All heavy atoms as atom14 arrays in JSON, in Angstrom:
{
  "sequence": "RFGTALKAAGPPFETGKLSKLLDGTGAFQRDQIHVW",
  "atom14_mask": [
    [1, 1, 1, 1, 1, 1, 1, 1, 1, 1, 1, 0, 0, 0],
    [1, 1, 1, 1, 1, 1, 1, 1, 1, 1, 1, 0, 0, 0],
    [1, 1, 1, 1, 0, 0, 0, 0, 0, 0, 0, 0, 0, 0],
    [1, 1, 1, 1, 1, 1, 1, 0, 0, 0, 0, 0, 0, 0],
    [1, 1, 1, 1, 1, 0, 0, 0, 0, 0, 0, 0, 0, 0],
    [1, 1, 1, 1, 1, 1, 1, 1, 0, 0, 0, 0, 0, 0],
    [1, 1, 1, 1, 1, 1, 1, 1, 1, 0, 0, 0, 0, 0],
    [1, 1, 1, 1, 1, 0, 0, 0, 0, 0, 0, 0, 0, 0],
    [1, 1, 1, 1, 1, 0, 0, 0, 0, 0, 0, 0, 0, 0],
    [1, 1, 1, 1, 0, 0, 0, 0, 0, 0, 0, 0, 0, 0],
    [1, 1, 1, 1, 1, 1, 1, 0, 0, 0, 0, 0, 0, 0],
    [1, 1, 1, 1, 1, 1, 1, 0, 0, 0, 0, 0, 0, 0],
    [1, 1, 1, 1, 1, 1, 1, 1, 1, 1, 1, 0, 0, 0],
    [1, 1, 1, 1, 1, 1, 1, 1, 1, 0, 0, 0, 0, 0],
    [1, 1, 1, 1, 1, 1, 1, 0, 0, 0, 0, 0, 0, 0],
    [1, 1, 1, 1, 0, 0, 0, 0, 0, 0, 0, 0, 0, 0],
    [1, 1, 1, 1, 1, 1, 1, 1, 1, 0, 0, 0, 0, 0],
    [1, 1, 1, 1, 1, 1, 1, 1, 0, 0, 0, 0, 0, 0],
    [1, 1, 1, 1, 1, 1, 0, 0, 0, 0, 0, 0, 0, 0],
    [1, 1, 1, 1, 1, 1, 1, 1, 1, 0, 0, 0, 0, 0],
    [1, 1, 1, 1, 1, 1, 1, 1, 0, 0, 0, 0, 0, 0],
    [1, 1, 1, 1, 1, 1, 1, 1, 0, 0, 0, 0, 0, 0],
    [1, 1, 1, 1, 1, 1, 1, 1, 0, 0, 0, 0, 0, 0],
    [1, 1, 1, 1, 0, 0, 0, 0, 0, 0, 0, 0, 0, 0],
    [1, 1, 1, 1, 1, 1, 1, 0, 0, 0, 0, 0, 0, 0],
    [1, 1, 1, 1, 0, 0, 0, 0, 0, 0, 0, 0, 0, 0],
    [1, 1, 1, 1, 1, 0, 0, 0, 0, 0, 0, 0, 0, 0],
    [1, 1, 1, 1, 1, 1, 1, 1, 1, 1, 1, 0, 0, 0],
    [1, 1, 1, 1, 1, 1, 1, 1, 1, 0, 0, 0, 0, 0],
    [1, 1, 1, 1, 1, 1, 1, 1, 1, 1, 1, 0, 0, 0],
    [1, 1, 1, 1, 1, 1, 1, 1, 0, 0, 0, 0, 0, 0],
    [1, 1, 1, 1, 1, 1, 1, 1, 1, 0, 0, 0, 0, 0],
    [1, 1, 1, 1, 1, 1, 1, 1, 0, 0, 0, 0, 0, 0],
    [1, 1, 1, 1, 1, 1, 1, 1, 1, 1, 0, 0, 0, 0],
    [1, 1, 1, 1, 1, 1, 1, 0, 0, 0, 0, 0, 0, 0],
    [1, 1, 1, 1, 1, 1, 1, 1, 1, 1, 1, 1, 1, 1]
  ],
  "atom14_positions": [
    [[0.84, -1.21, 0.0], [0.0, 0.0, 0.0], [0.87, 1.26, 0.0], [0.57, 2.24, -0.69], [-0.91, -0.01, 1.23], [-1.9, 1.14, 1.26], [-2.73, 1.11, 2.52], [-3.61, 2.27, 2.59], [-3.97, 2.84, 3.71], [-3.54, 2.39, 4.88], [-4.78, 3.88, 3.69], [0.0, 0.0, 0.0], [0.0, 0.0, 0.0], [0.0, 0.0, 0.0]],
    [[1.95, 1.2, 0.76], [2.86, 2.34, 0.82], [3.49, 2.58, -0.56], [3.58, 3.71, -1.02], [3.95, 2.09, 1.86], [4.77, 3.31, 2.19], [4.45, 4.11, 3.28], [5.87, 3.66, 1.42], [5.2, 5.23, 3.58], [6.62, 4.79, 1.71], [6.28, 5.57, 2.81], [0.0, 0.0, 0.0], [0.0, 0.0, 0.0], [0.0, 0.0, 0.0]],
    [[3.91, 1.5, -1.21], [4.52, 1.62, -2.53], [3.56, 2.18, -3.57], [3.94, 3.02, -4.39], [0.0, 0.0, 0.0], [0.0, 0.0, 0.0], [0.0, 0.0, 0.0], [0.0, 0.0, 0.0], [0.0, 0.0, 0.0], [0.0, 0.0, 0.0], [0.0, 0.0, 0.0], [0.0, 0.0, 0.0], [0.0, 0.0, 0.0], [0.0, 0.0, 0.0]],
    [[2.31, 1.72, -3.53], [1.3, 2.21, -4.48], [1.03, 3.69, -4.26], [0.94, 4.48, -5.21], [-0.01, 1.41, -4.32], [0.24, 0.03, -4.59], [-1.08, 1.94, -5.27], [0.0, 0.0, 0.0], [0.0, 0.0, 0.0], [0.0, 0.0, 0.0], [0.0, 0.0, 0.0], [0.0, 0.0, 0.0], [0.0, 0.0, 0.0], [0.0, 0.0, 0.0]],
    [[0.89, 4.1, -2.99], [0.63, 5.5, -2.67], [1.81, 6.39, -3.05], [1.63, 7.52, -3.51], [0.32, 5.64, -1.17], [0.0, 0.0, 0.0], [0.0, 0.0, 0.0], [0.0, 0.0, 0.0], [0.0, 0.0, 0.0], [0.0, 0.0, 0.0], [0.0, 0.0, 0.0], [0.0, 0.0, 0.0], [0.0, 0.0, 0.0], [0.0, 0.0, 0.0]],
    [[3.01, 5.89, -2.87], [4.21, 6.65, -3.21], [4.26, 6.91, -4.72], [4.54, 8.03, -5.15], [5.46, 5.9, -2.75], [6.81, 6.55, -3.08], [6.92, 7.9, -2.39], [7.96, 5.64, -2.65], [0.0, 0.0, 0.0], [0.0, 0.0, 0.0], [0.0, 0.0, 0.0], [0.0, 0.0, 0.0], [0.0, 0.0, 0.0], [0.0, 0.0, 0.0]],
    [[3.96, 5.89, -5.48], [3.96, 6.04, -6.95], [2.89, 7.03, -7.39], [3.12, 7.88, -8.27], [3.73, 4.69, -7.6], [3.82, 4.71, -9.11], [3.65, 3.31, -9.7], [3.74, 3.34, -11.22], [3.59, 1.97, -11.8], [0.0, 0.0, 0.0], [0.0, 0.0, 0.0], [0.0, 0.0, 0.0], [0.0, 0.0, 0.0], [0.0, 0.0, 0.0]],
    [[1.71, 6.96, -6.77], [0.61, 7.84, -7.14], [0.9, 9.29, -6.76], [0.44, 10.22, -7.43], [-0.68, 7.38, -6.46], [0.0, 0.0, 0.0], [0.0, 0.0, 0.0], [0.0, 0.0, 0.0], [0.0, 0.0, 0.0], [0.0, 0.0, 0.0], [0.0, 0.0, 0.0], [0.0, 0.0, 0.0], [0.0, 0.0, 0.0], [0.0, 0.0, 0.0]],
    [[1.67, 9.5, -5.7], [1.97, 10.85, -5.23], [2.95, 11.58, -6.13], [3.05, 12.81, -6.08], [2.52, 10.8, -3.8], [0.0, 0.0, 0.0], [0.0, 0.0, 0.0], [0.0, 0.0, 0.0], [0.0, 0.0, 0.0], [0.0, 0.0, 0.0], [0.0, 0.0, 0.0], [0.0, 0.0, 0.0], [0.0, 0.0, 0.0], [0.0, 0.0, 0.0]],
    [[3.67, 10.83, -6.97], [4.62, 11.46, -7.89], [5.71, 12.23, -7.17], [5.82, 13.44, -7.32], [0.0, 0.0, 0.0], [0.0, 0.0, 0.0], [0.0, 0.0, 0.0], [0.0, 0.0, 0.0], [0.0, 0.0, 0.0], [0.0, 0.0, 0.0], [0.0, 0.0, 0.0], [0.0, 0.0, 0.0], [0.0, 0.0, 0.0], [0.0, 0.0, 0.0]],
    [[6.54, 11.55, -6.38], [7.57, 12.25, -5.59], [8.59, 12.95, -6.48], [8.88, 12.49, -7.58], [8.22, 11.12, -4.79], [8.0, 9.89, -5.62], [6.64, 10.08, -6.24], [0.0, 0.0, 0.0], [0.0, 0.0, 0.0], [0.0, 0.0, 0.0], [0.0, 0.0, 0.0], [0.0, 0.0, 0.0], [0.0, 0.0, 0.0], [0.0, 0.0, 0.0]],
    [[9.14, 14.08, -6.01], [10.12, 14.84, -6.8], [11.53, 14.27, -6.69], [12.5, 15.0, -6.6], [10.03, 16.24, -6.18], [9.69, 15.97, -4.75], [8.78, 14.77, -4.77], [0.0, 0.0, 0.0], [0.0, 0.0, 0.0], [0.0, 0.0, 0.0], [0.0, 0.0, 0.0], [0.0, 0.0, 0.0], [0.0, 0.0, 0.0], [0.0, 0.0, 0.0]],
    [[11.64, 12.93, -6.65], [12.94, 12.29, -6.58], [12.81, 10.87, -7.11], [11.71, 10.32, -7.22], [13.48, 12.26, -5.13], [12.51, 11.7, -4.12], [12.38, 10.32, -3.93], [11.72, 12.54, -3.36], [11.49, 9.8, -3.01], [10.82, 12.04, -2.43], [10.71, 10.66, -2.25], [0.0, 0.0, 0.0], [0.0, 0.0, 0.0], [0.0, 0.0, 0.0]],
    [[13.94, 10.28, -7.48], [13.94, 8.91, -7.97], [13.7, 7.96, -6.8], [14.41, 8.01, -5.8], [15.27, 8.59, -8.65], [15.5, 9.36, -9.96], [14.53, 8.95, -11.04], [14.08, 7.78, -11.03], [14.19, 9.79, -11.89], [0.0, 0.0, 0.0], [0.0, 0.0, 0.0], [0.0, 0.0, 0.0], [0.0, 0.0, 0.0], [0.0, 0.0, 0.0]],
    [[12.69, 7.1, -6.93], [12.37, 6.21, -5.81], [13.21, 4.93, -5.83], [13.63, 4.45, -4.78], [10.88, 5.84, -5.85], [10.59, 5.22, -7.12], [10.02, 7.08, -5.69], [0.0, 0.0, 0.0], [0.0, 0.0, 0.0], [0.0, 0.0, 0.0], [0.0, 0.0, 0.0], [0.0, 0.0, 0.0], [0.0, 0.0, 0.0], [0.0, 0.0, 0.0]],
    [[13.46, 4.39, -7.01], [14.21, 3.14, -7.09], [13.45, 2.02, -6.39], [12.23, 2.01, -6.32], [0.0, 0.0, 0.0], [0.0, 0.0, 0.0], [0.0, 0.0, 0.0], [0.0, 0.0, 0.0], [0.0, 0.0, 0.0], [0.0, 0.0, 0.0], [0.0, 0.0, 0.0], [0.0, 0.0, 0.0], [0.0, 0.0, 0.0], [0.0, 0.0, 0.0]],
    [[14.18, 1.11, -5.8], [13.57, 0.0, -5.08], [13.06, 0.49, -3.74], [13.79, 1.12, -2.98], [14.6, -1.12, -4.89], [14.0, -2.42, -4.37], [15.04, -3.52, -4.33], [14.42, -4.83, -3.84], [15.41, -5.93, -3.8], [0.0, 0.0, 0.0], [0.0, 0.0, 0.0], [0.0, 0.0, 0.0], [0.0, 0.0, 0.0], [0.0, 0.0, 0.0]],
    [[11.8, 0.19, -3.42], [11.17, 0.73, -2.22], [11.9, 0.31, -0.95], [12.12, 1.14, -0.05], [9.71, 0.28, -2.15], [8.91, 0.75, -0.94], [8.89, 2.27, -0.86], [7.5, 0.2, -0.97], [0.0, 0.0, 0.0], [0.0, 0.0, 0.0], [0.0, 0.0, 0.0], [0.0, 0.0, 0.0], [0.0, 0.0, 0.0], [0.0, 0.0, 0.0]],
    [[12.28, -0.93, -0.85], [12.95, -1.4, 0.37], [14.26, -0.65, 0.61], [14.56, -0.26, 1.74], [13.22, -2.91, 0.27], [14.01, -3.21, -0.88], [0.0, 0.0, 0.0], [0.0, 0.0, 0.0], [0.0, 0.0, 0.0], [0.0, 0.0, 0.0], [0.0, 0.0, 0.0], [0.0, 0.0, 0.0], [0.0, 0.0, 0.0], [0.0, 0.0, 0.0]],
    [[15.01, -0.43, -0.45], [16.27, 0.3, -0.33], [16.03, 1.76, 0.03], [16.77, 2.35, 0.84], [17.05, 0.2, -1.64], [18.44, 0.83, -1.58], [19.18, 0.6, -2.89], [20.58, 1.21, -2.83], [21.32, 1.0, -4.1], [0.0, 0.0, 0.0], [0.0, 0.0, 0.0], [0.0, 0.0, 0.0], [0.0, 0.0, 0.0], [0.0, 0.0, 0.0]],
    [[14.98, 2.34, -0.53], [14.63, 3.73, -0.23], [14.29, 3.89, 1.24], [14.8, 4.81, 1.91], [13.45, 4.16, -1.1], [12.88, 5.56, -0.84], [13.9, 6.62, -1.21], [11.59, 5.76, -1.63], [0.0, 0.0, 0.0], [0.0, 0.0, 0.0], [0.0, 0.0, 0.0], [0.0, 0.0, 0.0], [0.0, 0.0, 0.0], [0.0, 0.0, 0.0]],
    [[13.47, 3.01, 1.78], [13.06, 3.11, 3.18], [14.23, 2.83, 4.12], [14.43, 3.53, 5.12], [11.93, 2.12, 3.46], [10.6, 2.41, 2.75], [9.62, 1.27, 2.96], [10.01, 3.72, 3.24], [0.0, 0.0, 0.0], [0.0, 0.0, 0.0], [0.0, 0.0, 0.0], [0.0, 0.0, 0.0], [0.0, 0.0, 0.0], [0.0, 0.0, 0.0]],
    [[15.03, 1.81, 3.8], [16.17, 1.47, 4.66], [17.18, 2.6, 4.71], [17.83, 2.83, 5.74], [16.85, 0.19, 4.15], [15.97, -1.04, 4.29], [14.96, -0.96, 5.01], [16.28, -2.06, 3.64], [0.0, 0.0, 0.0], [0.0, 0.0, 0.0], [0.0, 0.0, 0.0], [0.0, 0.0, 0.0], [0.0, 0.0, 0.0], [0.0, 0.0, 0.0]],
    [[17.31, 3.34, 3.62], [18.3, 4.41, 3.57], [17.97, 5.62, 4.41], [18.85, 6.42, 4.73], [0.0, 0.0, 0.0], [0.0, 0.0, 0.0], [0.0, 0.0, 0.0], [0.0, 0.0, 0.0], [0.0, 0.0, 0.0], [0.0, 0.0, 0.0], [0.0, 0.0, 0.0], [0.0, 0.0, 0.0], [0.0, 0.0, 0.0], [0.0, 0.0, 0.0]],
    [[16.71, 5.77, 4.8], [16.33, 6.94, 5.61], [16.68, 6.78, 7.08], [16.9, 7.76, 7.79], [14.82, 7.2, 5.5], [14.1, 6.11, 6.11], [14.4, 7.35, 4.05], [0.0, 0.0, 0.0], [0.0, 0.0, 0.0], [0.0, 0.0, 0.0], [0.0, 0.0, 0.0], [0.0, 0.0, 0.0], [0.0, 0.0, 0.0], [0.0, 0.0, 0.0]],
    [[16.69, 5.54, 7.57], [16.93, 5.3, 9.0], [15.72, 5.63, 9.85], [15.78, 5.53, 11.08], [0.0, 0.0, 0.0], [0.0, 0.0, 0.0], [0.0, 0.0, 0.0], [0.0, 0.0, 0.0], [0.0, 0.0, 0.0], [0.0, 0.0, 0.0], [0.0, 0.0, 0.0], [0.0, 0.0, 0.0], [0.0, 0.0, 0.0], [0.0, 0.0, 0.0]],
    [[14.61, 6.01, 9.2], [13.42, 6.42, 9.96], [12.35, 5.33, 9.99], [11.35, 5.47, 10.7], [12.83, 7.69, 9.35], [0.0, 0.0, 0.0], [0.0, 0.0, 0.0], [0.0, 0.0, 0.0], [0.0, 0.0, 0.0], [0.0, 0.0, 0.0], [0.0, 0.0, 0.0], [0.0, 0.0, 0.0], [0.0, 0.0, 0.0], [0.0, 0.0, 0.0]],
    [[12.56, 4.27, 9.23], [11.54, 3.22, 9.14], [12.15, 1.84, 9.41], [13.35, 1.61, 9.23], [10.91, 3.2, 7.75], [10.19, 4.46, 7.37], [10.84, 5.44, 6.61], [8.89, 4.69, 7.77], [10.18, 6.61, 6.25], [8.23, 5.85, 7.42], [8.87, 6.82, 6.66], [0.0, 0.0, 0.0], [0.0, 0.0, 0.0], [0.0, 0.0, 0.0]],
    [[11.27, 0.94, 9.84], [11.6, -0.48, 9.9], [10.57, -1.19, 9.03], [9.48, -0.67, 8.78], [11.54, -1.0, 11.33], [12.63, -0.42, 12.24], [12.63, -1.06, 13.6], [12.61, -2.3, 13.7], [12.66, -0.25, 14.65], [0.0, 0.0, 0.0], [0.0, 0.0, 0.0], [0.0, 0.0, 0.0], [0.0, 0.0, 0.0], [0.0, 0.0, 0.0]],
    [[10.91, -2.4, 8.6], [10.0, -3.12, 7.72], [10.28, -4.61, 7.79], [11.33, -5.05, 8.25], [10.15, -2.64, 6.27], [11.52, -2.94, 5.71], [11.69, -2.59, 4.25], [13.02, -2.95, 3.8], [13.39, -4.18, 3.42], [12.49, -5.17, 3.41], [14.62, -4.44, 3.05], [0.0, 0.0, 0.0], [0.0, 0.0, 0.0], [0.0, 0.0, 0.0]],
    [[9.3, -5.37, 7.34], [9.51, -6.78, 7.04], [9.02, -7.01, 5.62], [8.91, -6.05, 4.85], [8.82, -7.68, 8.08], [7.32, -7.37, 8.2], [6.73, -6.85, 7.24], [6.75, -7.66, 9.27], [0.0, 0.0, 0.0], [0.0, 0.0, 0.0], [0.0, 0.0, 0.0], [0.0, 0.0, 0.0], [0.0, 0.0, 0.0], [0.0, 0.0, 0.0]],
    [[8.68, -8.21, 5.26], [8.26, -8.47, 3.88], [6.85, -7.98, 3.59], [6.45, -7.89, 2.43], [8.35, -9.97, 3.59], [9.76, -10.52, 3.66], [10.69, -9.86, 2.67], [10.35, -9.68, 1.5], [11.88, -9.49, 3.12], [0.0, 0.0, 0.0], [0.0, 0.0, 0.0], [0.0, 0.0, 0.0], [0.0, 0.0, 0.0], [0.0, 0.0, 0.0]],
    [[6.11, -7.61, 4.65], [4.71, -7.25, 4.45], [4.4, -5.83, 4.91], [3.65, -5.11, 4.25], [3.79, -8.23, 5.22], [4.02, -9.67, 4.72], [2.32, -7.83, 5.07], [3.25, -10.71, 5.48], [0.0, 0.0, 0.0], [0.0, 0.0, 0.0], [0.0, 0.0, 0.0], [0.0, 0.0, 0.0], [0.0, 0.0, 0.0], [0.0, 0.0, 0.0]],
    [[5.01, -5.38, 6.0], [4.65, -4.11, 6.6], [5.85, -3.15, 6.7], [7.01, -3.57, 6.67], [4.08, -4.31, 8.01], [2.8, -5.05, 8.05], [2.74, -6.41, 8.26], [1.51, -4.63, 7.9], [1.47, -6.81, 8.25], [0.72, -5.75, 8.04], [0.0, 0.0, 0.0], [0.0, 0.0, 0.0], [0.0, 0.0, 0.0], [0.0, 0.0, 0.0]],
    [[5.53, -1.88, 6.88], [6.52, -0.86, 7.19], [5.99, -0.07, 8.39], [4.79, 0.16, 8.5], [6.77, 0.08, 5.98], [5.49, 0.74, 5.49], [7.8, 1.13, 6.33], [0.0, 0.0, 0.0], [0.0, 0.0, 0.0], [0.0, 0.0, 0.0], [0.0, 0.0, 0.0], [0.0, 0.0, 0.0], [0.0, 0.0, 0.0], [0.0, 0.0, 0.0]],
    [[6.9, 0.34, 9.29], [6.51, 1.13, 10.44], [7.63, 2.06, 10.84], [8.76, 1.92, 10.4], [6.09, 0.22, 11.61], [7.18, -0.7, 12.13], [8.03, -0.47, 13.16], [7.53, -2.0, 11.62], [8.89, -1.53, 13.34], [8.59, -2.49, 12.41], [7.04, -2.79, 10.56], [9.18, -3.72, 12.17], [7.62, -4.02, 10.33], [8.69, -4.49, 11.13]]
  ]
}
């Protein structure tokens, strides 16, 4: 759901792979199903 919403929002930056994007911020944790 997060990935779909991110794509629809049209962010002003290259998203690349979602897992790598989230891990790189240091602000989120995730597993194969959820992000928090």
